Structure formats: C-alpha cells, structure tokens
Amino acid sequence: MNQAELKILDYIHTHFSCRFLDAVMPIITKFGDGGIFWIAAAVLFIIFKKTRKTGISMGAALLIGLIIGNLILKNAVARIRPYDLNPAILPDMLIKPLSDFSFPSGHTLASFEAAVVLLIRDRRFGIPAIVLAVLIAFSRLYLYVHYPTDVLAGAVLGTFIAFFACKAVDLCYKKISDKNNSQ
C-alpha cells in the first residue's frame, strides 16, 4: 500500500509542483497547525449567543478528534511519514519534517471536524470552511507529509465526529431546554 501511495505523492510532486503552489501550500497548511485556526473560530462562535451552539459543537468535535486521532490512532497505528520511506524528497521539502506519526492526518481531521460542523449549522460559513478544509488536506499531500489514506481517514473520521458532536450538543441543549421548561 505504501508504495502505491508514494507513487501518488510522487505524481503530485512531479505534475503539480510550481512556484505559486510552493509559496501558497505552506501558508494553507499553517491554517491547520495545531488546530489553532479552528479553535479560535470555535471560541469566536461561542462568544456570541446567536452562534454559541455552533462554537460548542466545533469545540466538542475538535476535542473528540484530538483524543481519537492524535492521542489514540496516531500512536496505535504508528505509521511513519512518506518522506521517511522516500528520503530523496527531503531536500525539496517546503516545511520542516515532523516528528510524530502520520495516520491519520491531524490537520485534515481537525479541518473536517470544524468545517462539517459549520456546514451543518450554517452553510454561509460551512461552504467556505469546506473549501479551506479540502485545500488544507491537499496541502498535506503536496507537502509530502501524509499518505493519501492518512488524509482520507482524517476527512472521513472528521466528518463522522462532526455529525456526532452536533447530535450530542443538540441532545444537551434539548435536555437543558426540557429541564428549564419543566420548572
């Protein structure tokens, strides 16, 4: 599997590489670093009562994803990064090599968790967020730091976590509402 995936990465590296993308992709990938952009967005949504439920859903999804993806799956699967199998790429890397494991892509996971929550709660924010999430996911391939299945797993898992977080927050809101109405 790794060899087939390396061929895909090599194809991207050979056929898509250009000065423009070499400049833009490291910037795009920064939006996913540590989930900070998405965490900041969640906090911003929490501040305003009108969007608080969205922010809480995003925060819940990001926390669940951190636990499942970064703390459990990355260490359980312990998949080495593509550049470790193809060290010839190292001189061409546009970002510093990473020290953690590859599966799943944490950038993609967090991006899809947050973007899908936004899509569920408010399409005005959700559609641009999905576009950014897809760009972040592609940047991880372009930068040769993840295999395609790492990115796919991050997107799929992030989507499921987003739906779960929204349902869980909806249930909590309903219980609180029911409790307040019964008093």
C-alpha atoms as a PDB file:
ATOM      1  CA  MET A   1       0.000   0.000   0.000  1.00  0.00           C
ATOM      2  CA  ASN A   2       2.750   2.471   0.923  1.00  0.00           C
ATOM      3  CA  GLN A   3       4.432   2.105  -2.478  1.00  0.00           C
ATOM      4  CA  ALA A   4       1.218   2.822  -4.377  1.00  0.00           C
ATOM      5  CA  GLU A   5       0.590   5.831  -2.177  1.00  0.00           C
ATOM      6  CA  LEU A   6       4.147   7.072  -2.676  1.00  0.00           C
ATOM      7  CA  LYS A   7       3.522   6.915  -6.414  1.00  0.00           C
ATOM      8  CA  ILE A   8       0.502   9.192  -5.965  1.00  0.00           C
ATOM      9  CA  LEU A   9       2.580  11.623  -3.907  1.00  0.00           C
ATOM     10  CA  ASP A  10       5.378  11.492  -6.474  1.00  0.00           C
ATOM     11  CA  TYR A  11       2.833  12.213  -9.206  1.00  0.00           C
ATOM     12  CA  ILE A  12       1.566  15.255  -7.295  1.00  0.00           C
ATOM     13  CA  HIS A  13       5.132  16.366  -6.651  1.00  0.00           C
ATOM     14  CA  THR A  14       6.109  15.960 -10.310  1.00  0.00           C
ATOM     15  CA  HIS A  15       2.985  17.256 -12.058  1.00  0.00           C
ATOM     16  CA  PHE A  16       1.587  19.922  -9.727  1.00  0.00           C
ATOM     17  CA  SER A  17       4.748  21.458  -8.328  1.00  0.00           C
ATOM     18  CA  CYS A  18       5.217  25.097  -9.325  1.00  0.00           C
ATOM     19  CA  ARG A  19       6.468  28.303  -7.733  1.00  0.00           C
ATOM     20  CA  PHE A  20       2.959  29.532  -6.962  1.00  0.00           C
ATOM     21  CA  LEU A  21       1.902  26.358  -5.114  1.00  0.00           C
ATOM     22  CA  ASP A  22       5.326  26.091  -3.478  1.00  0.00           C
ATOM     23  CA  ALA A  23       4.639  29.510  -1.948  1.00  0.00           C
ATOM     24  CA  VAL A  24       0.930  29.005  -1.172  1.00  0.00           C
ATOM     25  CA  MET A  25       0.755  25.439   0.196  1.00  0.00           C
ATOM     26  CA  PRO A  26       2.932  26.047   3.286  1.00  0.00           C
ATOM     27  CA  ILE A  27       0.679  29.016   4.123  1.00  0.00           C
ATOM     28  CA  ILE A  28      -2.506  26.987   3.637  1.00  0.00           C
ATOM     29  CA  THR A  29      -1.183  24.138   5.764  1.00  0.00           C
ATOM     30  CA  LYS A  30      -0.464  26.618   8.596  1.00  0.00           C
ATOM     31  CA  PHE A  31      -4.226  27.096   8.972  1.00  0.00           C
ATOM     32  CA  GLY A  32      -4.322  23.517  10.256  1.00  0.00           C
ATOM     33  CA  ASP A  33      -1.299  23.706  12.581  1.00  0.00           C
ATOM     34  CA  GLY A  34      -2.399  22.502  15.993  1.00  0.00           C
ATOM     35  CA  GLY A  35      -5.997  23.195  15.033  1.00  0.00           C
ATOM     36  CA  ILE A  36      -5.399  26.752  16.276  1.00  0.00           C
ATOM     37  CA  PHE A  37      -7.362  28.425  13.468  1.00  0.00           C
ATOM     38  CA  TRP A  38     -10.347  26.154  14.087  1.00  0.00           C
ATOM     39  CA  ILE A  39     -10.088  26.505  17.874  1.00  0.00           C
ATOM     40  CA  ALA A  40     -10.031  30.299  17.509  1.00  0.00           C
ATOM     41  CA  ALA A  41     -13.079  30.103  15.233  1.00  0.00           C
ATOM     42  CA  ALA A  42     -14.903  27.935  17.800  1.00  0.00           C
ATOM     43  CA  VAL A  43     -14.113  30.423  20.573  1.00  0.00           C
ATOM     44  CA  LEU A  44     -15.325  33.281  18.391  1.00  0.00           C
ATOM     45  CA  PHE A  45     -18.602  31.453  17.737  1.00  0.00           C
ATOM     46  CA  ILE A  46     -19.021  30.689  21.464  1.00  0.00           C
ATOM     47  CA  ILE A  47     -18.703  34.372  22.371  1.00  0.00           C
ATOM     48  CA  PHE A  48     -21.897  35.308  20.538  1.00  0.00           C
ATOM     49  CA  LYS A  49     -25.162  33.838  21.815  1.00  0.00           C
ATOM     50  CA  LYS A  50     -26.571  33.501  18.283  1.00  0.00           C
ATOM     51  CA  THR A  51     -23.681  31.202  17.236  1.00  0.00           C
ATOM     52  CA  ARG A  52     -22.831  29.655  20.620  1.00  0.00           C
ATOM     53  CA  LYS A  53     -24.264  26.233  19.760  1.00  0.00           C
ATOM     54  CA  THR A  54     -22.069  26.152  16.644  1.00  0.00           C
ATOM     55  CA  GLY A  55     -18.974  27.058  18.657  1.00  0.00           C
ATOM     56  CA  ILE A  56     -19.703  24.457  21.317  1.00  0.00           C
ATOM     57  CA  SER A  57     -20.248  21.827  18.606  1.00  0.00           C
ATOM     58  CA  MET A  58     -16.943  22.776  16.965  1.00  0.00           C
ATOM     59  CA  GLY A  59     -15.119  22.667  20.292  1.00  0.00           C
ATOM     60  CA  ALA A  60     -16.602  19.276  21.142  1.00  0.00           C
ATOM     61  CA  ALA A  61     -15.685  17.874  17.726  1.00  0.00           C
ATOM     62  CA  LEU A  62     -12.130  19.208  17.963  1.00  0.00           C
ATOM     63  CA  LEU A  63     -11.679  17.738  21.447  1.00  0.00           C
ATOM     64  CA  ILE A  64     -13.043  14.333  20.422  1.00  0.00           C
ATOM     65  CA  GLY A  65     -10.815  14.358  17.327  1.00  0.00           C
ATOM     66  CA  LEU A  66      -7.749  15.260  19.375  1.00  0.00           C
ATOM     67  CA  ILE A  67      -8.353  12.288  21.655  1.00  0.00           C
ATOM     68  CA  ILE A  68      -9.286   9.745  18.966  1.00  0.00           C
ATOM     69  CA  GLY A  69      -6.987  10.909  16.167  1.00  0.00           C
ATOM     70  CA  ASN A  70      -3.901  12.409  17.705  1.00  0.00           C
ATOM     71  CA  LEU A  71      -3.680  10.642  21.059  1.00  0.00           C
ATOM     72  CA  ILE A  72      -5.043   7.180  20.212  1.00  0.00           C
ATOM     73  CA  LEU A  73      -4.860   6.408  16.466  1.00  0.00           C
ATOM     74  CA  LYS A  74      -1.543   8.085  15.646  1.00  0.00           C
ATOM     75  CA  ASN A  75       0.207   6.095  18.384  1.00  0.00           C
ATOM     76  CA  ALA A  76      -1.717   2.847  17.831  1.00  0.00           C
ATOM     77  CA  VAL A  77      -1.074   2.768  14.068  1.00  0.00           C
ATOM     78  CA  ALA A  78       2.413   4.333  14.345  1.00  0.00           C
ATOM     79  CA  ARG A  79       2.705   4.892  10.599  1.00  0.00           C
ATOM     80  CA  ILE A  80       5.908   6.572   9.517  1.00  0.00           C
ATOM     81  CA  ARG A  81       5.733   9.592   7.258  1.00  0.00           C
ATOM     82  CA  PRO A  82       6.155   9.330   3.473  1.00  0.00           C
ATOM     83  CA  TYR A  83       9.443  11.221   3.443  1.00  0.00           C
ATOM     84  CA  ASP A  84      10.859   8.575   5.803  1.00  0.00           C
ATOM     85  CA  LEU A  85      10.282   5.985   3.053  1.00  0.00           C
ATOM     86  CA  ASN A  86      11.489   8.340   0.332  1.00  0.00           C
ATOM     87  CA  PRO A  87      14.317  10.385   1.879  1.00  0.00           C
ATOM     88  CA  ALA A  88      15.283  11.665  -1.587  1.00  0.00           C
ATOM     89  CA  ILE A  89      12.407  14.128  -1.198  1.00  0.00           C
ATOM     90  CA  LEU A  90      13.891  15.756   1.924  1.00  0.00           C
ATOM     91  CA  PRO A  91      15.980  18.406   0.092  1.00  0.00           C
ATOM     92  CA  ASP A  92      12.822  19.519  -1.770  1.00  0.00           C
ATOM     93  CA  MET A  93      10.589  19.735   1.310  1.00  0.00           C
ATOM     94  CA  LEU A  94       8.913  23.093   1.792  1.00  0.00           C
ATOM     95  CA  ILE A  95       8.242  22.629   5.512  1.00  0.00           C
ATOM     96  CA  LYS A  96      10.259  21.144   8.326  1.00  0.00           C
ATOM     97  CA  PRO A  97       9.909  17.350   8.695  1.00  0.00           C
ATOM     98  CA  LEU A  98       7.583  16.359  11.518  1.00  0.00           C
ATOM     99  CA  SER A  99       8.381  14.142  14.484  1.00  0.00           C
ATOM    100  CA  ASP A 100       5.014  12.469  15.095  1.00  0.00           C
ATOM    101  CA  PHE A 101       3.292   9.659  13.225  1.00  0.00           C
ATOM    102  CA  SER A 102       1.360  10.035  10.002  1.00  0.00           C
ATOM    103  CA  PHE A 103      -2.026   8.285  10.379  1.00  0.00           C
ATOM    104  CA  PRO A 104      -4.490   9.970  10.406  1.00  0.00           C
ATOM    105  CA  SER A 105      -3.733  13.481   9.195  1.00  0.00           C
ATOM    106  CA  GLY A 106      -4.420  15.689  12.205  1.00  0.00           C
ATOM    107  CA  HIS A 107      -4.631  18.811  10.030  1.00  0.00           C
ATOM    108  CA  THR A 108      -7.281  17.177   7.850  1.00  0.00           C
ATOM    109  CA  LEU A 109      -9.110  15.674  10.824  1.00  0.00           C
ATOM    110  CA  ALA A 110      -9.469  18.992  12.660  1.00  0.00           C
ATOM    111  CA  SER A 111     -10.306  20.863   9.469  1.00  0.00           C
ATOM    112  CA  PHE A 112     -13.117  18.488   8.504  1.00  0.00           C
ATOM    113  CA  GLU A 113     -14.474  18.345  12.056  1.00  0.00           C
ATOM    114  CA  ALA A 114     -14.798  22.117  12.193  1.00  0.00           C
ATOM    115  CA  ALA A 115     -15.866  22.623   8.574  1.00  0.00           C
ATOM    116  CA  VAL A 116     -18.565  19.942   8.664  1.00  0.00           C
ATOM    117  CA  VAL A 117     -19.933  21.342  11.941  1.00  0.00           C
ATOM    118  CA  LEU A 118     -20.120  24.729  10.225  1.00  0.00           C
ATOM    119  CA  LEU A 119     -21.782  23.167   7.181  1.00  0.00           C
ATOM    120  CA  ILE A 120     -24.393  21.503   9.400  1.00  0.00           C
ATOM    121  CA  ARG A 121     -25.058  24.606  11.500  1.00  0.00           C
ATOM    122  CA  ASP A 122     -24.732  27.440   8.960  1.00  0.00           C
ATOM    123  CA  ARG A 123     -23.979  26.956   5.259  1.00  0.00           C
ATOM    124  CA  ARG A 124     -22.802  30.561   4.904  1.00  0.00           C
ATOM    125  CA  PHE A 125     -19.776  29.645   6.993  1.00  0.00           C
ATOM    126  CA  GLY A 126     -19.754  25.949   6.119  1.00  0.00           C
ATOM    127  CA  ILE A 127     -19.148  26.142   2.384  1.00  0.00           C
ATOM    128  CA  PRO A 128     -16.026  28.343   2.618  1.00  0.00           C
ATOM    129  CA  ALA A 129     -14.846  26.213   5.559  1.00  0.00           C
ATOM    130  CA  ILE A 130     -15.188  23.028   3.480  1.00  0.00           C
ATOM    131  CA  VAL A 131     -13.177  24.659   0.681  1.00  0.00           C
ATOM    132  CA  LEU A 132     -10.455  25.560   3.200  1.00  0.00           C
ATOM    133  CA  ALA A 133     -10.545  22.046   4.693  1.00  0.00           C
ATOM    134  CA  VAL A 134     -10.074  20.495   1.234  1.00  0.00           C
ATOM    135  CA  LEU A 135      -7.193  22.881   0.500  1.00  0.00           C
ATOM    136  CA  ILE A 136      -5.552  22.023   3.826  1.00  0.00           C
ATOM    137  CA  ALA A 137      -5.984  18.308   3.083  1.00  0.00           C
ATOM    138  CA  PHE A 138      -4.416  18.710  -0.367  1.00  0.00           C
ATOM    139  CA  SER A 139      -1.571  20.746   1.127  1.00  0.00           C
ATOM    140  CA  ARG A 140      -0.629  17.766   3.302  1.00  0.00           C
ATOM    141  CA  LEU A 141      -0.198  15.660   0.158  1.00  0.00           C
ATOM    142  CA  TYR A 142       1.525  18.420  -1.790  1.00  0.00           C
ATOM    143  CA  LEU A 143       3.991  18.938   1.063  1.00  0.00           C
ATOM    144  CA  TYR A 144       4.714  15.182   1.159  1.00  0.00           C
ATOM    145  CA  VAL A 145       3.944  14.839   4.872  1.00  0.00           C
ATOM    146  CA  HIS A 146       0.967  12.455   4.579  1.00  0.00           C
ATOM    147  CA  TYR A 147      -0.117   9.498   2.505  1.00  0.00           C
ATOM    148  CA  PRO A 148      -3.439   9.782   0.659  1.00  0.00           C
ATOM    149  CA  THR A 149      -5.055   7.318   3.090  1.00  0.00           C
ATOM    150  CA  ASP A 150      -3.948   9.477   6.047  1.00  0.00           C
ATOM    151  CA  VAL A 151      -5.775  12.425   4.516  1.00  0.00           C
ATOM    152  CA  LEU A 152      -8.806  10.348   3.505  1.00  0.00           C
ATOM    153  CA  ALA A 153      -9.049   8.873   7.011  1.00  0.00           C
ATOM    154  CA  GLY A 154      -8.796  12.351   8.538  1.00  0.00           C
ATOM    155  CA  ALA A 155     -11.589  13.643   6.296  1.00  0.00           C
ATOM    156  CA  VAL A 156     -13.909  10.670   6.901  1.00  0.00           C
ATOM    157  CA  LEU A 157     -13.273  10.478  10.639  1.00  0.00           C
ATOM    158  CA  GLY A 158     -13.592  14.255  10.954  1.00  0.00           C
ATOM    159  CA  THR A 159     -16.938  14.153   9.168  1.00  0.00           C
ATOM    160  CA  PHE A 160     -18.291  11.422  11.458  1.00  0.00           C
ATOM    161  CA  ILE A 161     -17.027  13.204  14.567  1.00  0.00           C
ATOM    162  CA  ALA A 162     -18.658  16.455  13.417  1.00  0.00           C
ATOM    163  CA  PHE A 163     -22.046  14.751  12.996  1.00  0.00           C
ATOM    164  CA  PHE A 164     -21.674  13.042  16.379  1.00  0.00           C
ATOM    165  CA  ALA A 165     -20.683  16.294  18.116  1.00  0.00           C
ATOM    166  CA  CYS A 166     -23.643  18.153  16.607  1.00  0.00           C
ATOM    167  CA  LYS A 167     -26.066  15.424  17.705  1.00  0.00           C
ATOM    168  CA  ALA A 168     -24.545  15.316  21.208  1.00  0.00           C
ATOM    169  CA  VAL A 169     -24.744  19.099  21.595  1.00  0.00           C
ATOM    170  CA  ASP A 170     -28.331  19.075  20.273  1.00  0.00           C
ATOM    171  CA  LEU A 171     -29.249  16.475  22.915  1.00  0.00           C
ATOM    172  CA  CYS A 172     -27.611  18.537  25.668  1.00  0.00           C
ATOM    173  CA  TYR A 173     -29.438  21.663  24.543  1.00  0.00           C
ATOM    174  CA  LYS A 174     -32.729  19.727  24.450  1.00  0.00           C
ATOM    175  CA  LYS A 175     -32.214  18.354  27.969  1.00  0.00           C
ATOM    176  CA  ILE A 176     -31.415  21.817  29.277  1.00  0.00           C
ATOM    177  CA  SER A 177     -34.456  23.251  27.489  1.00  0.00           C
ATOM    178  CA  ASP A 178     -36.726  20.468  28.774  1.00  0.00           C
ATOM    179  CA  LYS A 179     -35.418  20.971  32.309  1.00  0.00           C
ATOM    180  CA  ASN A 180     -35.977  24.746  32.133  1.00  0.00           C
ATOM    181  CA  ASN A 181     -39.498  24.279  30.714  1.00  0.00           C
ATOM    182  CA  SER A 182     -40.487  21.851  33.480  1.00  0.00           C
ATOM    183  CA  GLN A 183     -39.597  24.297  36.253  1.00  0.00           C
END
